[in-house]
Amino acid sequence: MDIYGKVFKKYVNNKLEVFYKHYKPDIELYHELIENSLKLGERQIIINSEIMLEIMYRAVEQDNIIMGIKMSENTDNEITSSISNVIKNIKTNKLEFIKLKELLNWSNTNDSIDISSVDIYFGEKLYTITVEGIFYCNHSECDFSDIFNSLIKESIEKKIL
């Protein structure tokens, strides 16, 4: 059974809290998760391209590896190919991230959702983070709290607070 994390926010004592909930698509329908969270005063977080770039920056800075980026269907093949090539280079040279950021500069706004998902090798496991605010792992024994606190939460708080 796959387990996912879904990112939410909620005001508690006039302070915005960013957190995640475990989500099991085999048991709970996605819309039910969102509906139940709304009843509790929680709002889902969409991870826009600006936040995705911050997550990738933190990943590289912490010696994790960006394995892939999936762009929206409207993205030109030339850009997609260039992104793939730069990602390969980042694995051996962190400074190549500057080139990646330049390539994606057109999408680096809080209203852009052109980066659909990012695959990051974190703590010896492959995680995928999606624009919908969902993240999951390719391994049955993934600890979501590490990647959430180290990369996702900090990036969201930096960009929305």
C-alpha atoms as a PDB file:
ATOM      1  CA  MET A   1       0.000   0.000   0.000  1.00  0.00           C
ATOM      2  CA  ASP A   2       1.435   3.342  -1.050  1.00  0.00           C
ATOM      3  CA  ILE A   3       1.485   6.208   1.426  1.00  0.00           C
ATOM      4  CA  TYR A   4       1.645   9.809   0.329  1.00  0.00           C
ATOM      5  CA  GLY A   5       1.978  13.114   2.112  1.00  0.00           C
ATOM      6  CA  LYS A   6      -0.296  16.070   1.332  1.00  0.00           C
ATOM      7  CA  VAL A   7       0.684  19.594   2.384  1.00  0.00           C
ATOM      8  CA  PHE A   8      -1.781  21.854   4.181  1.00  0.00           C
ATOM      9  CA  LYS A   9      -1.873  25.127   6.056  1.00  0.00           C
ATOM     10  CA  LYS A  10      -3.991  26.385   8.912  1.00  0.00           C
ATOM     11  CA  TYR A  11      -4.042  29.423  11.152  1.00  0.00           C
ATOM     12  CA  VAL A  12      -3.561  28.518  14.805  1.00  0.00           C
ATOM     13  CA  ASN A  13      -3.591  31.399  17.318  1.00  0.00           C
ATOM     14  CA  ASN A  14      -3.180  33.877  14.435  1.00  0.00           C
ATOM     15  CA  LYS A  15      -0.067  32.068  13.237  1.00  0.00           C
ATOM     16  CA  LEU A  16       0.127  30.160   9.964  1.00  0.00           C
ATOM     17  CA  GLU A  17       1.109  26.523  10.427  1.00  0.00           C
ATOM     18  CA  VAL A  18       2.366  24.434   7.506  1.00  0.00           C
ATOM     19  CA  PHE A  19       2.036  20.679   7.943  1.00  0.00           C
ATOM     20  CA  TYR A  20       1.342  17.468   6.072  1.00  0.00           C
ATOM     21  CA  LYS A  21      -1.045  14.601   6.454  1.00  0.00           C
ATOM     22  CA  HIS A  22      -0.482  11.028   5.425  1.00  0.00           C
ATOM     23  CA  TYR A  23      -2.689  10.100   2.533  1.00  0.00           C
ATOM     24  CA  LYS A  24      -3.405   6.541   1.375  1.00  0.00           C
ATOM     25  CA  PRO A  25      -5.005   6.577  -2.079  1.00  0.00           C
ATOM     26  CA  ASP A  26      -5.935   2.890  -1.740  1.00  0.00           C
ATOM     27  CA  ILE A  27      -8.145   3.747   1.245  1.00  0.00           C
ATOM     28  CA  GLU A  28      -9.159   7.402   0.976  1.00  0.00           C
ATOM     29  CA  LEU A  29     -10.303   9.277  -2.101  1.00  0.00           C
ATOM     30  CA  TYR A  30      -8.371  12.472  -2.765  1.00  0.00           C
ATOM     31  CA  HIS A  31     -11.449  14.692  -2.743  1.00  0.00           C
ATOM     32  CA  GLU A  32     -12.459  13.214   0.631  1.00  0.00           C
ATOM     33  CA  LEU A  33      -9.086  14.165   2.086  1.00  0.00           C
ATOM     34  CA  ILE A  34      -9.538  17.738   0.869  1.00  0.00           C
ATOM     35  CA  GLU A  35     -13.183  17.946   2.015  1.00  0.00           C
ATOM     36  CA  ASN A  36     -12.369  16.603   5.494  1.00  0.00           C
ATOM     37  CA  SER A  37      -9.458  19.018   5.822  1.00  0.00           C
ATOM     38  CA  LEU A  38     -11.633  21.973   4.776  1.00  0.00           C
ATOM     39  CA  LYS A  39     -14.099  21.070   7.546  1.00  0.00           C
ATOM     40  CA  LEU A  40     -11.204  21.384  10.017  1.00  0.00           C
ATOM     41  CA  GLY A  41     -10.275  24.821   8.709  1.00  0.00           C
ATOM     42  CA  GLU A  42      -7.245  23.493   6.826  1.00  0.00           C
ATOM     43  CA  ARG A  43      -6.377  24.605   3.312  1.00  0.00           C
ATOM     44  CA  GLN A  44      -4.330  22.700   0.810  1.00  0.00           C
ATOM     45  CA  ILE A  45      -1.090  24.182  -0.466  1.00  0.00           C
ATOM     46  CA  ILE A  46      -0.270  24.186  -4.137  1.00  0.00           C
ATOM     47  CA  ILE A  47       3.478  24.009  -4.652  1.00  0.00           C
ATOM     48  CA  ASN A  48       3.979  26.595  -7.369  1.00  0.00           C
ATOM     49  CA  SER A  49       7.123  26.859  -9.492  1.00  0.00           C
ATOM     50  CA  GLU A  50       8.677  29.452  -7.191  1.00  0.00           C
ATOM     51  CA  ILE A  51       8.403  27.066  -4.232  1.00  0.00           C
ATOM     52  CA  MET A  52       9.602  24.140  -6.374  1.00  0.00           C
ATOM     53  CA  LEU A  53      12.760  26.074  -7.264  1.00  0.00           C
ATOM     54  CA  GLU A  54      13.361  26.825  -3.585  1.00  0.00           C
ATOM     55  CA  ILE A  55      12.890  23.124  -2.734  1.00  0.00           C
ATOM     56  CA  MET A  56      15.407  22.164  -5.430  1.00  0.00           C
ATOM     57  CA  TYR A  57      17.871  24.786  -4.196  1.00  0.00           C
ATOM     58  CA  ARG A  58      17.646  23.458  -0.629  1.00  0.00           C
ATOM     59  CA  ALA A  59      18.008  19.891  -1.887  1.00  0.00           C
ATOM     60  CA  VAL A  60      21.229  20.683  -3.752  1.00  0.00           C
ATOM     61  CA  GLU A  61      22.521  22.819  -0.888  1.00  0.00           C
ATOM     62  CA  GLN A  62      22.036  19.850   1.495  1.00  0.00           C
ATOM     63  CA  ASP A  63      23.859  17.423  -0.851  1.00  0.00           C
ATOM     64  CA  ASN A  64      20.728  15.693  -2.099  1.00  0.00           C
ATOM     65  CA  ILE A  65      20.307  14.938  -5.793  1.00  0.00           C
ATOM     66  CA  ILE A  66      17.707  16.255  -8.219  1.00  0.00           C
ATOM     67  CA  MET A  67      16.890  13.248 -10.363  1.00  0.00           C
ATOM     68  CA  GLY A  68      14.301  14.785 -12.645  1.00  0.00           C
ATOM     69  CA  ILE A  69      11.874  17.594 -13.285  1.00  0.00           C
ATOM     70  CA  LYS A  70       8.564  17.158 -15.050  1.00  0.00           C
ATOM     71  CA  MET A  71       7.295  20.302 -16.718  1.00  0.00           C
ATOM     72  CA  SER A  72       3.759  21.150 -17.788  1.00  0.00           C
ATOM     73  CA  GLU A  73       2.624  19.797 -21.134  1.00  0.00           C
ATOM     74  CA  ASN A  74       2.930  23.247 -22.699  1.00  0.00           C
ATOM     75  CA  THR A  75       6.681  23.450 -22.129  1.00  0.00           C
ATOM     76  CA  ASP A  76       8.804  23.407 -25.273  1.00  0.00           C
ATOM     77  CA  ASN A  77      10.803  20.254 -25.966  1.00  0.00           C
ATOM     78  CA  GLU A  78      13.966  22.346 -26.286  1.00  0.00           C
ATOM     79  CA  ILE A  79      13.605  23.670 -22.722  1.00  0.00           C
ATOM     80  CA  THR A  80      12.759  20.208 -21.388  1.00  0.00           C
ATOM     81  CA  SER A  81      15.847  18.736 -23.051  1.00  0.00           C
ATOM     82  CA  SER A  82      18.068  21.522 -21.717  1.00  0.00           C
ATOM     83  CA  ILE A  83      16.699  20.990 -18.206  1.00  0.00           C
ATOM     84  CA  SER A  84      17.499  17.261 -18.386  1.00  0.00           C
ATOM     85  CA  ASN A  85      21.066  17.983 -19.473  1.00  0.00           C
ATOM     86  CA  VAL A  86      21.655  20.502 -16.690  1.00  0.00           C
ATOM     87  CA  ILE A  87      20.231  18.107 -14.087  1.00  0.00           C
ATOM     88  CA  LYS A  88      22.810  15.511 -15.123  1.00  0.00           C
ATOM     89  CA  ASN A  89      25.554  18.090 -14.595  1.00  0.00           C
ATOM     90  CA  ILE A  90      24.250  19.183 -11.180  1.00  0.00           C
ATOM     91  CA  LYS A  91      24.896  15.672  -9.868  1.00  0.00           C
ATOM     92  CA  THR A  92      28.642  16.292 -10.156  1.00  0.00           C
ATOM     93  CA  ASN A  93      28.768  20.087  -9.849  1.00  0.00           C
ATOM     94  CA  LYS A  94      26.370  21.946  -7.536  1.00  0.00           C
ATOM     95  CA  LEU A  95      27.125  25.245  -9.258  1.00  0.00           C
ATOM     96  CA  GLU A  96      25.241  23.973 -12.303  1.00  0.00           C
ATOM     97  CA  PHE A  97      22.097  24.730 -10.307  1.00  0.00           C
ATOM     98  CA  ILE A  98      22.630  28.359 -11.350  1.00  0.00           C
ATOM     99  CA  LYS A  99      22.116  27.284 -14.975  1.00  0.00           C
ATOM    100  CA  LEU A 100      18.984  25.377 -14.010  1.00  0.00           C
ATOM    101  CA  LYS A 101      17.586  28.417 -12.236  1.00  0.00           C
ATOM    102  CA  GLU A 102      18.346  30.559 -15.298  1.00  0.00           C
ATOM    103  CA  LEU A 103      16.604  28.041 -17.559  1.00  0.00           C
ATOM    104  CA  LEU A 104      13.551  28.085 -15.315  1.00  0.00           C
ATOM    105  CA  ASN A 105      13.588  31.808 -14.591  1.00  0.00           C
ATOM    106  CA  TRP A 106      10.513  32.324 -16.800  1.00  0.00           C
ATOM    107  CA  SER A 107       8.529  30.110 -14.419  1.00  0.00           C
ATOM    108  CA  ASN A 108       9.880  31.533 -11.159  1.00  0.00           C
ATOM    109  CA  THR A 109       6.744  33.299  -9.953  1.00  0.00           C
ATOM    110  CA  ASN A 110       4.170  32.499  -7.314  1.00  0.00           C
ATOM    111  CA  ASP A 111       1.416  32.196  -9.927  1.00  0.00           C
ATOM    112  CA  SER A 112       3.250  29.688 -12.126  1.00  0.00           C
ATOM    113  CA  ILE A 113       2.578  25.968 -11.974  1.00  0.00           C
ATOM    114  CA  ASP A 114       4.774  25.050 -14.940  1.00  0.00           C
ATOM    115  CA  ILE A 115       6.953  22.717 -12.853  1.00  0.00           C
ATOM    116  CA  SER A 116       4.623  19.735 -12.427  1.00  0.00           C
ATOM    117  CA  SER A 117       6.871  17.613 -10.236  1.00  0.00           C
ATOM    118  CA  VAL A 118      10.415  17.132  -9.015  1.00  0.00           C
ATOM    119  CA  ASP A 119      12.167  13.860  -8.207  1.00  0.00           C
ATOM    120  CA  ILE A 120      14.763  14.187  -5.451  1.00  0.00           C
ATOM    121  CA  TYR A 121      17.052  11.548  -4.058  1.00  0.00           C
ATOM    122  CA  PHE A 122      16.931  12.383  -0.344  1.00  0.00           C
ATOM    123  CA  GLY A 123      18.299  10.223   2.461  1.00  0.00           C
ATOM    124  CA  GLU A 124      18.983   7.312   0.124  1.00  0.00           C
ATOM    125  CA  LYS A 125      15.375   7.242  -1.109  1.00  0.00           C
ATOM    126  CA  LEU A 126      13.703   8.725  -4.164  1.00  0.00           C
ATOM    127  CA  TYR A 127      10.896  11.183  -3.424  1.00  0.00           C
ATOM    128  CA  THR A 128       8.549  12.908  -5.832  1.00  0.00           C
ATOM    129  CA  ILE A 129       7.048  16.292  -4.979  1.00  0.00           C
ATOM    130  CA  THR A 130       4.103  17.454  -7.095  1.00  0.00           C
ATOM    131  CA  VAL A 131       2.482  20.793  -7.828  1.00  0.00           C
ATOM    132  CA  GLU A 132      -0.666  19.560  -6.053  1.00  0.00           C
ATOM    133  CA  GLY A 133       1.243  19.538  -2.763  1.00  0.00           C
ATOM    134  CA  ILE A 134       1.538  15.760  -2.724  1.00  0.00           C
ATOM    135  CA  PHE A 135       4.804  13.965  -2.070  1.00  0.00           C
ATOM    136  CA  TYR A 136       5.634  10.288  -2.033  1.00  0.00           C
ATOM    137  CA  CYS A 137       8.528   7.878  -1.956  1.00  0.00           C
ATOM    138  CA  ASN A 138       9.623   4.824  -3.910  1.00  0.00           C
ATOM    139  CA  HIS A 139      10.389   2.860  -0.754  1.00  0.00           C
ATOM    140  CA  SER A 140       8.030   1.330   1.796  1.00  0.00           C
ATOM    141  CA  GLU A 141      10.001   2.671   4.776  1.00  0.00           C
ATOM    142  CA  CYS A 142      10.121   6.379   3.969  1.00  0.00           C
ATOM    143  CA  ASP A 143      10.171   8.942   6.739  1.00  0.00           C
ATOM    144  CA  PHE A 144       8.231  11.894   5.390  1.00  0.00           C
ATOM    145  CA  SER A 145       9.102  14.117   8.344  1.00  0.00           C
ATOM    146  CA  ASP A 146      12.746  14.467   7.268  1.00  0.00           C
ATOM    147  CA  ILE A 147      12.124  15.641   3.720  1.00  0.00           C
ATOM    148  CA  PHE A 148       9.117  17.693   4.783  1.00  0.00           C
ATOM    149  CA  ASN A 149      10.971  19.588   7.512  1.00  0.00           C
ATOM    150  CA  SER A 150      14.274  19.931   5.643  1.00  0.00           C
ATOM    151  CA  LEU A 151      13.025  20.883   2.197  1.00  0.00           C
ATOM    152  CA  ILE A 152       9.295  21.334   1.762  1.00  0.00           C
ATOM    153  CA  LYS A 153       8.138  23.176   4.893  1.00  0.00           C
ATOM    154  CA  GLU A 154      11.096  25.573   4.990  1.00  0.00           C
ATOM    155  CA  SER A 155      10.660  26.402   1.296  1.00  0.00           C
ATOM    156  CA  ILE A 156       6.939  27.036   1.652  1.00  0.00           C
ATOM    157  CA  GLU A 157       7.391  29.177   4.749  1.00  0.00           C
ATOM    158  CA  LYS A 158      10.082  31.247   3.035  1.00  0.00           C
ATOM    159  CA  LYS A 159       7.851  31.927   0.032  1.00  0.00           C
ATOM    160  CA  ILE A 160       4.405  32.406   1.602  1.00  0.00           C
ATOM    161  CA  LEU A 161       5.093  33.930   5.013  1.00  0.00           C
END
